[in-house]
Amino acid sequence: MGAALPGLPVINIGFTRNLAWTHTVDASSHFLIYRLKRDVADPSRYMVDGKSTAMQRKSVTVDVREKSGSITQRSRDFYRTEFGVVLDMSDRFGRDDEHAYVIDDVNLTNDAALEQWFAMNRANSVEGLESVVIRILGIPWVDTIAVGSNGAALFMNVSMIPRVDSEKLSRCRALDSDRPVSDIHVLDGTRRDCGRNVTSGLRQDGVFPGDRLPILRRDDFVINSNDTAWLANPSQPLTGFSPLVSRENVELGGRARYVLDWLRRRSDVGSPAGQRLGPDDVESLLMRDDVYSASLVMSDLLTLCPKNSETRAEDTETKDLASVCETLRAWDQTADVDANIGYLYFESFMERARKVTNVWRVPFDPSLPIDTPRGLNVGDPAVAEQLKAALAASHRDALKGGFRLDSRWGEIQVASRGGREIPIHGGSAALGVYNVIKSSPSGPGKREVASGSSYMQIVSFDGSGPQVNALLAFSESADPRSQFFADQTELFSRKEWVRLPFAEEEIKSDPSYRRQTIPY
């Protein structure tokens, strides 16, 4: 049982009798960009190893409905090379008539995804799941996190990743930077030896074998919140992989730091090491809506606030600062529906603060990845002035957006369903809110939910099988006339769950149970 992406006949995230698994979008690269040098005599040809090679042209014609309702045909030529399909990347690299850029996407020929999840649906142990993920190697772009009824935990950064090791990546880099442009790796397409390494014995050449990718088996915990594989468990870092696969000694996202700090504090304060977590613990972790970044910077932030004697000044920025500070002092540092407008101020402030040079009082230290960076560098006058300006600007942002200063977060962030506005808790991943919700302005004083927490499941095991609370935050139906159009969204707003039946007797005891045979 579990949930599937629309149109797929397999469960993507779910559980069986003795196994539960989920996925996170991974931090690996699943395509490469190659920069080719055009042949000066013919721009439809390119130079490889000093020889001119023709691009393969493919003309595509499609029917297009015009505004008048009439159907016309439009044609376009596309070009393919031995490295991949030609792209227009002038928006990233500027206009360049000397070069062409192509994309080498390993998932273009990946036809194993349905086979992969079908096999996962039939697995009944962590070991069985690991085996089929490695053997089939059909996962396109996600990590896999799983637990078994025997207490085993598994993390796998196993998916379709182009096989280019660190040495080749460094040797073949086409741009003058050690860092990819927006995490896009651009390689030299004038040399054939810069192509992907051939992998024998796999159904698809040029990808890393599953057993050469990050895999971690533990009996305590594994986590991932869309970070690299490095610290799926800090007690056993995963290192030494191609940067296309995973990077180490890089900053963790706020959500991972929040969870790891929470686990550490459970062990340090009143909880014996090795104590197992229960479903209630995990539910509380998700639904508390703590804003982790606030715990890292708030004490420094409040030192920027004007003193009482200064608030009588006529200076507008000082008044704005005073208003924000009063609200932040009263804010409970959550993104819960009852939180005051301090969350909105803090989000706006941090968006600007992150752009300030030397903003951290304690910069990132790879040896202390959970604890750094932290604090605001308010001791530096130049930094402090920029942070004060950012804090005052958050007040102006709120006024400009039409937000009432006495608003609650649940009045601001909503999911509109059939004329109703359902209050939605949760907030920005960048702020370390574990329950991620992304919303955008939808009118004066309002933000409409666009994405975020979707399918959630909390699975535990006892002698009778899996015990599961689950929720699909955006509800199952897109039809406003359906009873399932907003029911789970309402539950999510109230932090309530759906109990999923698994045993046959549980299923048949449902008052809505009926058996239907579908002809095929």
Protein backbone atom coordinates (compact mmCIF):
# COMPACT_ATOMS: atom_id res chain seq x y z
CA MET A 1 0.00 0.00 0.00
CA GLY A 2 1.04 3.61 -0.34
CA ALA A 3 0.94 6.35 -2.95
CA ALA A 4 1.81 6.65 -6.62
CA LEU A 5 2.44 9.46 -9.06
CA PRO A 6 -0.61 10.06 -11.29
CA GLY A 7 -0.91 7.50 -14.07
CA LEU A 8 1.51 4.95 -12.66
CA PRO A 9 0.21 1.44 -11.91
CA VAL A 10 2.75 0.85 -9.13
CA ILE A 11 3.28 2.16 -5.60
CA ASN A 12 6.14 4.68 -5.47
CA ILE A 13 6.21 5.27 -1.70
CA GLY A 14 4.64 2.79 0.66
CA PHE A 15 4.93 -0.39 2.69
CA THR A 16 4.51 -4.16 2.61
CA ARG A 17 4.10 -6.70 5.41
CA ASN A 18 7.63 -6.22 6.79
CA LEU A 19 8.99 -3.20 4.94
CA ALA A 20 8.35 0.52 4.55
CA TRP A 21 10.16 2.89 2.22
CA THR A 22 10.11 6.45 0.98
CA HIS A 23 12.05 8.60 -1.46
CA THR A 24 13.65 12.03 -1.49
CA VAL A 25 14.77 13.89 -4.60
CA ASP A 26 18.51 13.28 -4.56
CA ALA A 27 21.39 15.75 -4.91
CA SER A 28 23.10 13.77 -7.69
CA SER A 29 23.52 14.89 -11.30
CA HIS A 30 21.56 12.87 -13.82
CA PHE A 31 22.76 14.64 -16.93
CA LEU A 32 25.85 16.36 -18.25
CA ILE A 33 26.25 19.33 -20.56
CA TYR A 34 28.94 19.13 -23.23
CA ARG A 35 30.32 22.21 -24.93
CA LEU A 36 31.12 21.49 -28.59
CA LYS A 37 33.26 23.58 -30.89
CA ARG A 38 31.45 24.34 -34.14
CA ASP A 39 33.18 23.80 -37.46
CA VAL A 40 33.91 27.31 -38.77
CA ALA A 41 33.13 26.11 -42.30
CA ASP A 42 29.70 24.72 -41.38
CA PRO A 43 27.91 25.48 -38.07
CA SER A 44 25.90 22.25 -38.39
CA ARG A 45 29.13 20.30 -37.88
CA TYR A 46 31.36 20.10 -34.83
CA MET A 47 34.98 19.23 -34.09
CA VAL A 48 35.91 16.13 -32.10
CA ASP A 49 39.54 15.06 -31.72
CA GLY A 50 40.44 17.48 -34.52
CA LYS A 51 37.95 16.03 -37.05
CA SER A 52 34.75 17.56 -38.36
CA THR A 53 31.59 15.58 -37.60
CA ALA A 54 28.06 16.23 -38.85
CA MET A 55 25.18 16.79 -36.48
CA GLN A 56 22.15 14.61 -37.14
CA ARG A 57 19.14 16.74 -38.06
CA LYS A 58 15.59 15.65 -37.26
CA SER A 59 12.64 17.68 -38.49
CA VAL A 60 9.52 17.60 -36.32
CA THR A 61 6.11 18.83 -37.47
CA VAL A 62 3.18 19.27 -35.07
CA ASP A 63 -0.40 20.46 -35.37
CA VAL A 64 -1.07 23.74 -33.56
CA ARG A 65 -4.45 25.24 -32.76
CA GLU A 66 -4.34 28.97 -33.45
CA LYS A 67 -6.31 31.60 -31.50
CA SER A 68 -8.90 31.58 -34.26
CA GLY A 69 -9.48 27.87 -33.68
CA SER A 70 -7.94 26.81 -36.96
CA ILE A 71 -5.27 24.09 -37.09
CA THR A 72 -1.93 24.86 -38.68
CA GLN A 73 1.31 22.95 -38.86
CA ARG A 74 4.60 24.16 -37.49
CA SER A 75 7.97 22.56 -38.07
CA ARG A 76 11.26 22.76 -36.25
CA ASP A 77 14.64 21.18 -36.76
CA PHE A 78 16.41 19.49 -33.85
CA TYR A 79 20.03 18.37 -33.85
CA ARG A 80 21.67 15.39 -32.18
CA THR A 81 25.36 14.63 -31.68
CA GLU A 82 27.26 11.67 -30.26
CA PHE A 83 27.24 13.48 -26.89
CA GLY A 84 23.54 14.33 -26.86
CA VAL A 85 20.85 16.70 -28.11
CA VAL A 86 21.72 20.33 -28.93
CA LEU A 87 20.22 22.91 -26.54
CA ASP A 88 19.92 26.68 -26.59
CA MET A 89 21.74 27.69 -23.39
CA SER A 90 22.28 31.35 -24.19
CA ASP A 91 20.31 32.28 -21.07
CA ARG A 92 23.05 30.71 -18.92
CA PHE A 93 26.23 31.18 -20.93
CA GLY A 94 25.45 34.11 -23.21
CA ARG A 95 25.29 34.18 -26.99
CA ASP A 96 28.11 32.07 -28.37
CA ASP A 97 28.36 31.39 -32.11
CA GLU A 98 31.62 29.50 -31.67
CA HIS A 99 30.19 26.73 -29.51
CA ALA A 100 27.13 24.51 -29.23
CA TYR A 101 25.85 22.99 -26.00
CA VAL A 102 24.31 19.53 -25.79
CA ILE A 103 22.62 17.59 -22.99
CA ASP A 104 23.59 14.02 -22.20
CA ASP A 105 20.65 12.77 -20.10
CA VAL A 106 21.06 9.21 -18.81
CA ASN A 107 17.31 8.90 -18.22
CA LEU A 108 16.52 9.50 -21.87
CA THR A 109 16.87 5.75 -22.48
CA ASN A 110 15.83 4.55 -19.02
CA ASP A 111 12.96 2.14 -19.65
CA ALA A 112 13.22 0.27 -16.35
CA ALA A 113 11.30 2.56 -13.96
CA LEU A 114 8.05 0.58 -13.96
CA GLU A 115 9.94 -2.70 -13.61
CA GLN A 116 11.89 -1.15 -10.74
CA TRP A 117 8.92 -0.07 -8.64
CA PHE A 118 6.99 -3.24 -9.42
CA ALA A 119 9.89 -5.24 -7.97
CA MET A 120 10.08 -2.92 -4.95
CA ASN A 121 6.36 -3.42 -4.35
CA ARG A 122 6.99 -7.15 -4.07
CA ALA A 123 9.95 -6.86 -1.69
CA ASN A 124 9.27 -7.85 1.90
CA SER A 125 12.55 -6.97 3.61
CA VAL A 126 15.24 -4.31 3.58
CA GLU A 127 17.62 -6.84 2.07
CA GLY A 128 15.17 -7.69 -0.70
CA LEU A 129 14.57 -4.04 -1.49
CA GLU A 130 18.30 -3.30 -1.66
CA SER A 131 18.83 -6.25 -3.99
CA VAL A 132 16.21 -5.24 -6.58
CA VAL A 133 17.22 -1.57 -6.57
CA ILE A 134 20.84 -2.52 -7.32
CA ARG A 135 19.96 -5.21 -9.86
CA ILE A 136 17.41 -3.32 -11.94
CA LEU A 137 18.92 0.18 -11.52
CA GLY A 138 15.83 1.88 -12.84
CA ILE A 139 15.25 4.70 -10.34
CA PRO A 140 15.56 7.98 -12.26
CA TRP A 141 16.38 10.65 -9.68
CA VAL A 142 15.54 9.83 -6.06
CA ASP A 143 17.18 8.45 -2.94
CA THR A 144 15.57 5.52 -1.15
CA ILE A 145 15.13 5.35 2.62
CA ALA A 146 13.71 2.16 4.10
CA VAL A 147 13.13 0.33 7.36
CA GLY A 148 12.21 -3.28 8.07
CA SER A 149 10.14 -4.89 10.78
CA ASN A 150 13.40 -6.35 12.13
CA GLY A 151 14.70 -2.84 12.93
CA ALA A 152 17.09 -2.59 9.97
CA ALA A 153 17.42 0.83 8.33
CA LEU A 154 18.69 1.46 4.80
CA PHE A 155 19.76 4.52 2.81
CA MET A 156 20.47 4.22 -0.92
CA ASN A 157 21.67 6.98 -3.22
CA VAL A 158 21.19 4.55 -6.10
CA SER A 159 19.74 5.91 -9.33
CA MET A 160 20.71 6.64 -12.92
CA ILE A 161 23.91 8.74 -12.71
CA PRO A 162 26.39 9.31 -15.57
CA ARG A 163 29.63 7.45 -14.93
CA VAL A 164 32.28 10.17 -14.85
CA ASP A 165 34.76 9.98 -11.99
CA SER A 166 36.37 12.90 -10.16
CA GLU A 167 39.57 12.79 -12.22
CA LYS A 168 37.75 12.96 -15.56
CA LEU A 169 35.36 15.61 -14.28
CA SER A 170 38.31 17.80 -13.33
CA ARG A 171 40.28 17.09 -16.50
CA CYS A 172 37.37 17.66 -18.86
CA ARG A 173 35.70 20.66 -17.26
CA ALA A 174 34.94 23.17 -20.00
CA LEU A 175 34.40 26.29 -17.90
CA ASP A 176 37.00 28.18 -15.89
CA SER A 177 35.44 27.34 -12.53
CA ASP A 178 35.86 24.51 -10.05
CA ARG A 179 32.16 24.78 -9.26
CA PRO A 180 29.40 23.85 -11.69
CA VAL A 181 27.13 26.63 -12.92
CA SER A 182 23.97 26.21 -10.82
CA ASP A 183 25.07 22.60 -10.25
CA ILE A 184 25.26 21.97 -14.00
CA HIS A 185 28.48 20.24 -15.01
CA VAL A 186 29.79 21.43 -18.37
CA LEU A 187 32.40 19.19 -20.00
CA ASP A 188 34.66 19.49 -23.03
CA GLY A 189 32.96 18.05 -26.10
CA THR A 190 35.98 18.46 -28.37
CA ARG A 191 37.53 15.27 -26.93
CA ARG A 192 35.91 11.89 -27.23
CA ASP A 193 37.66 10.67 -24.07
CA CYS A 194 35.56 13.13 -22.06
CA GLY A 195 32.46 11.04 -22.69
CA ARG A 196 30.96 8.76 -20.06
CA ASN A 197 32.89 5.67 -19.03
CA VAL A 198 31.55 2.43 -20.45
CA THR A 199 30.01 0.09 -17.88
CA SER A 200 29.88 -3.58 -18.82
CA GLY A 201 27.19 -5.93 -17.60
CA LEU A 202 24.46 -3.30 -17.24
CA ARG A 203 21.39 -2.85 -19.42
CA GLN A 204 22.55 0.73 -20.08
CA ASP A 205 26.11 1.84 -20.76
CA GLY A 206 27.79 4.79 -19.14
CA VAL A 207 26.11 4.80 -15.72
CA PHE A 208 27.45 3.94 -12.29
CA PRO A 209 26.58 0.38 -11.19
CA GLY A 210 24.24 0.32 -8.21
CA ASP A 211 26.78 -1.34 -5.92
CA ARG A 212 29.28 1.46 -6.62
CA LEU A 213 26.93 4.13 -5.29
CA PRO A 214 26.31 5.30 -1.68
CA ILE A 215 24.53 2.65 0.37
CA LEU A 216 24.26 2.68 4.16
CA ARG A 217 22.81 -0.03 6.40
CA ARG A 218 22.22 0.82 10.06
CA ASP A 219 20.33 -0.46 13.07
CA ASP A 220 19.71 3.00 14.55
CA PHE A 221 18.63 5.50 11.87
CA VAL A 222 19.21 6.96 8.43
CA ILE A 223 17.87 10.30 7.22
CA ASN A 224 17.80 12.44 4.12
CA SER A 225 16.19 15.79 3.41
CA ASN A 226 17.35 16.31 -0.19
CA ASP A 227 20.98 16.72 0.85
CA THR A 228 23.91 14.75 -0.49
CA ALA A 229 24.49 11.22 0.80
CA TRP A 230 27.37 12.36 3.02
CA LEU A 231 25.60 12.41 6.41
CA ALA A 232 22.72 9.97 6.08
CA ASN A 233 24.04 9.03 9.51
CA PRO A 234 26.87 11.18 10.98
CA SER A 235 28.32 8.15 12.75
CA GLN A 236 29.19 6.66 9.37
CA PRO A 237 29.81 9.37 6.74
CA LEU A 238 29.60 8.33 3.07
CA THR A 239 32.66 9.72 1.27
CA GLY A 240 34.88 9.26 -1.76
CA PHE A 241 32.31 9.42 -4.55
CA SER A 242 32.31 11.33 -7.83
CA PRO A 243 30.86 14.84 -7.37
CA LEU A 244 28.17 13.77 -9.83
CA VAL A 245 27.01 11.27 -7.19
CA SER A 246 27.54 12.97 -3.84
CA ARG A 247 29.74 15.60 -2.21
CA GLU A 248 31.14 15.69 1.30
CA ASN A 249 32.15 18.59 3.55
CA VAL A 250 29.29 20.72 2.28
CA GLU A 251 26.67 22.58 4.29
CA LEU A 252 23.65 20.57 5.34
CA GLY A 253 20.21 21.93 4.67
CA GLY A 254 18.28 23.27 7.63
CA ARG A 255 15.84 20.34 7.73
CA ALA A 256 18.63 17.77 8.07
CA ARG A 257 20.32 19.85 10.78
CA TYR A 258 17.01 20.14 12.63
CA VAL A 259 16.44 16.38 12.67
CA LEU A 260 20.03 15.50 13.56
CA ASP A 261 20.04 18.06 16.36
CA TRP A 262 16.71 16.69 17.61
CA LEU A 263 18.08 13.13 17.65
CA ARG A 264 21.22 14.26 19.43
CA ARG A 265 19.29 16.13 22.11
CA ARG A 266 17.11 13.09 22.74
CA SER A 267 20.26 11.17 23.60
CA ASP A 268 21.91 13.97 25.57
CA VAL A 269 19.00 15.10 27.74
CA GLY A 270 17.10 12.50 29.69
CA SER A 271 16.94 9.88 26.96
CA PRO A 272 19.21 6.88 27.22
CA ALA A 273 21.32 6.34 24.12
CA GLY A 274 19.76 3.76 21.87
CA GLN A 275 16.17 4.48 22.93
CA ARG A 276 13.88 3.68 20.04
CA LEU A 277 11.56 6.25 18.56
CA GLY A 278 7.84 5.63 18.50
CA PRO A 279 5.23 6.81 15.98
CA ASP A 280 4.16 9.64 18.29
CA ASP A 281 7.72 10.97 18.41
CA VAL A 282 7.97 11.11 14.62
CA GLU A 283 4.51 12.65 14.26
CA SER A 284 5.46 15.37 16.73
CA LEU A 285 8.71 16.04 14.90
CA LEU A 286 6.86 16.63 11.64
CA MET A 287 3.86 18.55 12.93
CA ARG A 288 5.54 20.92 15.42
CA ASP A 289 6.48 23.27 12.54
CA ASP A 290 9.57 24.56 14.36
CA VAL A 291 11.58 27.14 12.43
CA TYR A 292 15.06 25.78 13.09
CA SER A 293 16.90 28.79 11.67
CA ALA A 294 15.28 31.00 14.28
CA SER A 295 16.98 29.03 17.04
CA LEU A 296 20.33 29.69 15.36
CA VAL A 297 20.10 33.46 14.96
CA MET A 298 17.34 34.97 17.08
CA SER A 299 19.43 36.01 20.07
CA ASP A 300 21.82 37.91 17.77
CA LEU A 301 18.99 39.30 15.67
CA LEU A 302 17.30 40.91 18.67
CA THR A 303 20.49 42.81 19.55
CA LEU A 304 19.81 44.83 16.38
CA CYS A 305 16.60 46.17 17.89
CA PRO A 306 16.49 49.83 18.91
CA LYS A 307 16.57 50.70 22.60
CA ASN A 308 13.50 52.27 24.14
CA SER A 309 15.04 55.74 23.98
CA GLU A 310 15.68 55.32 20.25
CA THR A 311 12.11 54.37 19.35
CA ARG A 312 10.98 57.95 19.92
CA ALA A 313 13.12 59.08 16.98
CA GLU A 314 11.42 60.36 13.85
CA ASP A 315 13.56 58.06 11.70
CA THR A 316 11.22 55.72 9.75
CA GLU A 317 13.66 52.81 9.72
CA THR A 318 13.98 52.90 13.51
CA LYS A 319 10.19 52.78 13.86
CA ASP A 320 10.00 49.89 11.41
CA LEU A 321 12.69 48.07 13.36
CA ALA A 322 10.86 48.60 16.64
CA SER A 323 7.63 47.21 15.22
CA VAL A 324 9.32 44.09 13.81
CA CYS A 325 11.24 43.48 17.02
CA GLU A 326 8.14 43.67 19.17
CA THR A 327 6.50 41.02 16.99
CA LEU A 328 9.56 38.76 16.87
CA ARG A 329 9.91 38.81 20.65
CA ALA A 330 6.33 37.53 20.89
CA TRP A 331 6.69 34.99 18.06
CA ASP A 332 6.83 31.33 19.12
CA GLN A 333 9.40 30.56 16.38
CA THR A 334 7.09 28.18 14.52
CA ALA A 335 5.21 28.14 11.23
CA ASP A 336 2.08 26.84 12.94
CA VAL A 337 -1.34 28.24 12.06
CA ASP A 338 -1.51 30.17 15.35
CA ALA A 339 1.94 31.76 14.98
CA ASN A 340 1.91 35.53 14.70
CA ILE A 341 3.19 37.45 11.69
CA GLY A 342 6.72 37.04 13.05
CA TYR A 343 7.18 34.07 10.72
CA LEU A 344 6.56 36.33 7.72
CA TYR A 345 9.01 38.93 9.05
CA PHE A 346 11.65 36.30 9.73
CA GLU A 347 11.31 34.70 6.30
CA SER A 348 11.72 38.07 4.58
CA PHE A 349 14.66 39.01 6.81
CA MET A 350 16.54 35.75 6.24
CA GLU A 351 16.09 35.94 2.48
CA ARG A 352 18.05 39.20 2.54
CA ALA A 353 20.44 38.20 5.33
CA ARG A 354 21.73 35.16 3.44
CA LYS A 355 23.01 37.49 0.72
CA VAL A 356 25.14 39.54 3.14
CA THR A 357 28.87 38.80 2.94
CA ASN A 358 30.32 37.36 6.17
CA VAL A 359 26.86 37.20 7.71
CA TRP A 360 27.59 34.24 10.00
CA ARG A 361 29.15 34.72 13.41
CA VAL A 362 30.36 31.10 13.26
CA PRO A 363 30.92 30.11 9.60
CA PHE A 364 30.43 26.61 8.28
CA ASP A 365 32.95 24.11 9.62
CA PRO A 366 32.95 20.66 7.93
CA SER A 367 34.02 19.11 11.24
CA LEU A 368 30.87 20.54 12.89
CA PRO A 369 28.26 20.14 10.17
CA ILE A 370 25.24 20.01 12.50
CA ASP A 371 26.24 23.10 14.49
CA THR A 372 27.47 25.43 11.74
CA PRO A 373 26.92 27.96 10.36
CA ARG A 374 25.16 29.74 13.20
CA GLY A 375 24.73 33.16 14.75
CA LEU A 376 24.72 36.54 13.03
CA ASN A 377 27.95 38.50 12.76
CA VAL A 378 26.48 41.57 14.46
CA GLY A 379 29.89 42.50 15.86
CA ASP A 380 30.91 43.66 12.40
CA PRO A 381 29.44 47.19 11.96
CA ALA A 382 29.07 46.82 8.18
CA VAL A 383 27.21 43.53 8.56
CA ALA A 384 25.06 44.89 11.38
CA GLU A 385 23.93 47.85 9.28
CA GLN A 386 22.92 45.60 6.40
CA LEU A 387 21.03 43.32 8.78
CA LYS A 388 19.19 46.27 10.33
CA ALA A 389 18.16 47.38 6.86
CA ALA A 390 16.97 43.84 6.09
CA LEU A 391 14.93 43.75 9.30
CA ALA A 392 13.28 47.10 8.58
CA ALA A 393 12.60 46.02 4.99
CA SER A 394 10.67 42.98 6.26
CA HIS A 395 8.17 45.38 7.85
CA ARG A 396 7.79 47.32 4.61
CA ASP A 397 7.34 44.05 2.70
CA ALA A 398 4.46 43.10 4.98
CA LEU A 399 2.73 46.44 4.54
CA LYS A 400 3.24 46.35 0.78
CA GLY A 401 1.74 42.85 0.64
CA GLY A 402 -1.39 43.99 2.42
CA PHE A 403 -0.78 41.89 5.54
CA ARG A 404 -2.49 42.90 8.76
CA LEU A 405 0.08 43.15 11.49
CA ASP A 406 -2.14 41.15 13.86
CA SER A 407 -2.55 38.30 11.34
CA ARG A 408 -1.90 34.69 12.24
CA TRP A 409 0.06 32.45 9.89
CA GLY A 410 -2.99 30.28 9.30
CA GLU A 411 -4.92 33.34 8.10
CA ILE A 412 -2.16 34.18 5.67
CA GLN A 413 -1.11 30.79 4.24
CA VAL A 414 -4.11 28.90 2.89
CA ALA A 415 -5.17 26.21 0.44
CA SER A 416 -8.24 27.36 -1.50
CA ARG A 417 -10.77 24.59 -2.05
CA GLY A 418 -14.15 25.36 -3.59
CA GLY A 419 -14.39 28.89 -2.22
CA ARG A 420 -13.02 27.87 1.19
CA GLU A 421 -9.67 28.96 2.57
CA ILE A 422 -8.12 26.14 4.59
CA PRO A 423 -5.37 27.29 7.00
CA ILE A 424 -2.10 25.49 6.27
CA HIS A 425 0.79 25.15 8.69
CA GLY A 426 4.39 24.69 7.55
CA GLY A 427 7.06 26.84 5.98
CA SER A 428 10.29 27.22 4.07
CA ALA A 429 12.86 24.44 3.77
CA ALA A 430 15.52 27.17 3.65
CA LEU A 431 14.52 28.08 7.22
CA GLY A 432 14.76 24.49 8.42
CA VAL A 433 11.02 23.87 8.68
CA TYR A 434 10.69 20.10 8.51
CA ASN A 435 7.10 20.32 7.29
CA VAL A 436 7.93 22.10 4.04
CA ILE A 437 5.22 24.24 2.48
CA LYS A 438 5.88 26.68 -0.33
CA SER A 439 3.32 29.40 -0.88
CA SER A 440 3.17 32.54 -3.00
CA PRO A 441 1.25 35.83 -2.82
CA SER A 442 -2.33 35.43 -4.03
CA GLY A 443 -3.88 38.73 -3.00
CA PRO A 444 -3.66 41.34 -0.24
CA GLY A 445 -2.64 39.60 2.98
CA LYS A 446 -2.81 36.11 1.46
CA ARG A 447 -0.45 33.39 0.26
CA GLU A 448 -1.69 30.35 -1.62
CA VAL A 449 0.00 26.99 -1.13
CA ALA A 450 1.85 25.90 -4.27
CA SER A 451 3.78 22.82 -3.17
CA GLY A 452 5.34 21.05 -0.21
CA SER A 453 4.39 18.16 2.04
CA SER A 454 2.33 15.75 -0.03
CA TYR A 455 2.11 12.06 0.85
CA MET A 456 3.23 11.33 4.41
CA GLN A 457 3.31 7.99 6.19
CA ILE A 458 4.34 6.95 9.69
CA VAL A 459 4.87 3.19 9.78
CA SER A 460 5.59 0.98 12.77
CA PHE A 461 5.49 -2.80 13.03
CA ASP A 462 4.11 -5.18 15.62
CA GLY A 463 3.18 -8.83 15.62
CA SER A 464 0.06 -8.20 13.54
CA GLY A 465 1.86 -6.32 10.79
CA PRO A 466 2.39 -2.69 9.77
CA GLN A 467 0.58 0.00 11.74
CA VAL A 468 0.26 3.03 9.50
CA ASN A 469 -0.94 6.60 9.79
CA ALA A 470 -0.81 8.42 6.48
CA LEU A 471 -2.00 11.57 4.78
CA LEU A 472 -2.15 13.07 1.30
CA ALA A 473 -2.04 16.75 2.13
CA PHE A 474 -3.54 18.02 -1.11
CA SER A 475 -6.32 15.34 -1.08
CA GLU A 476 -7.00 12.69 -3.71
CA SER A 477 -9.42 14.32 -6.13
CA ALA A 478 -9.10 17.38 -8.37
CA ASP A 479 -12.88 17.41 -8.89
CA PRO A 480 -14.55 20.07 -6.68
CA ARG A 481 -17.72 17.94 -6.67
CA SER A 482 -15.94 14.98 -5.07
CA GLN A 483 -16.07 14.24 -1.36
CA PHE A 484 -12.32 13.59 -1.65
CA PHE A 485 -11.54 17.04 -3.05
CA ALA A 486 -10.52 18.63 0.27
CA ASP A 487 -11.04 16.04 2.99
CA GLN A 488 -7.38 15.22 3.66
CA THR A 489 -6.37 18.88 3.27
CA GLU A 490 -8.74 19.64 6.13
CA LEU A 491 -7.19 16.80 8.15
CA PHE A 492 -3.71 18.11 7.44
CA SER A 493 -4.75 21.58 8.61
CA ARG A 494 -5.94 20.05 11.90
CA LYS A 495 -2.89 17.74 12.14
CA GLU A 496 -5.02 14.62 11.99
CA TRP A 497 -4.17 11.40 10.17
CA VAL A 498 -5.82 8.60 8.21
CA ARG A 499 -5.35 5.11 9.60
CA LEU A 500 -4.51 2.79 6.70
CA PRO A 501 -5.74 -0.81 6.95
CA PHE A 502 -3.41 -3.59 5.84
CA ALA A 503 -4.71 -6.92 7.13
CA GLU A 504 -7.59 -8.37 5.14
CA GLU A 505 -9.96 -8.21 8.10
CA GLU A 506 -9.12 -4.51 8.61
CA ILE A 507 -9.91 -3.78 4.98
CA LYS A 508 -13.20 -5.66 4.99
CA SER A 509 -14.33 -4.00 8.22
CA ASP A 510 -14.38 -0.58 6.54
CA PRO A 511 -18.04 0.54 6.17
CA SER A 512 -17.25 1.69 2.62
CA TYR A 513 -15.77 -1.66 1.62
CA ARG A 514 -17.00 -3.17 -1.65
CA ARG A 515 -15.57 -5.64 -4.11
CA GLN A 516 -15.57 -4.74 -7.78
CA THR A 517 -14.27 -6.73 -10.74
CA ILE A 518 -12.90 -4.61 -13.57
CA PRO A 519 -12.97 -6.34 -16.97
CA TYR A 520 -9.90 -6.10 -19.17
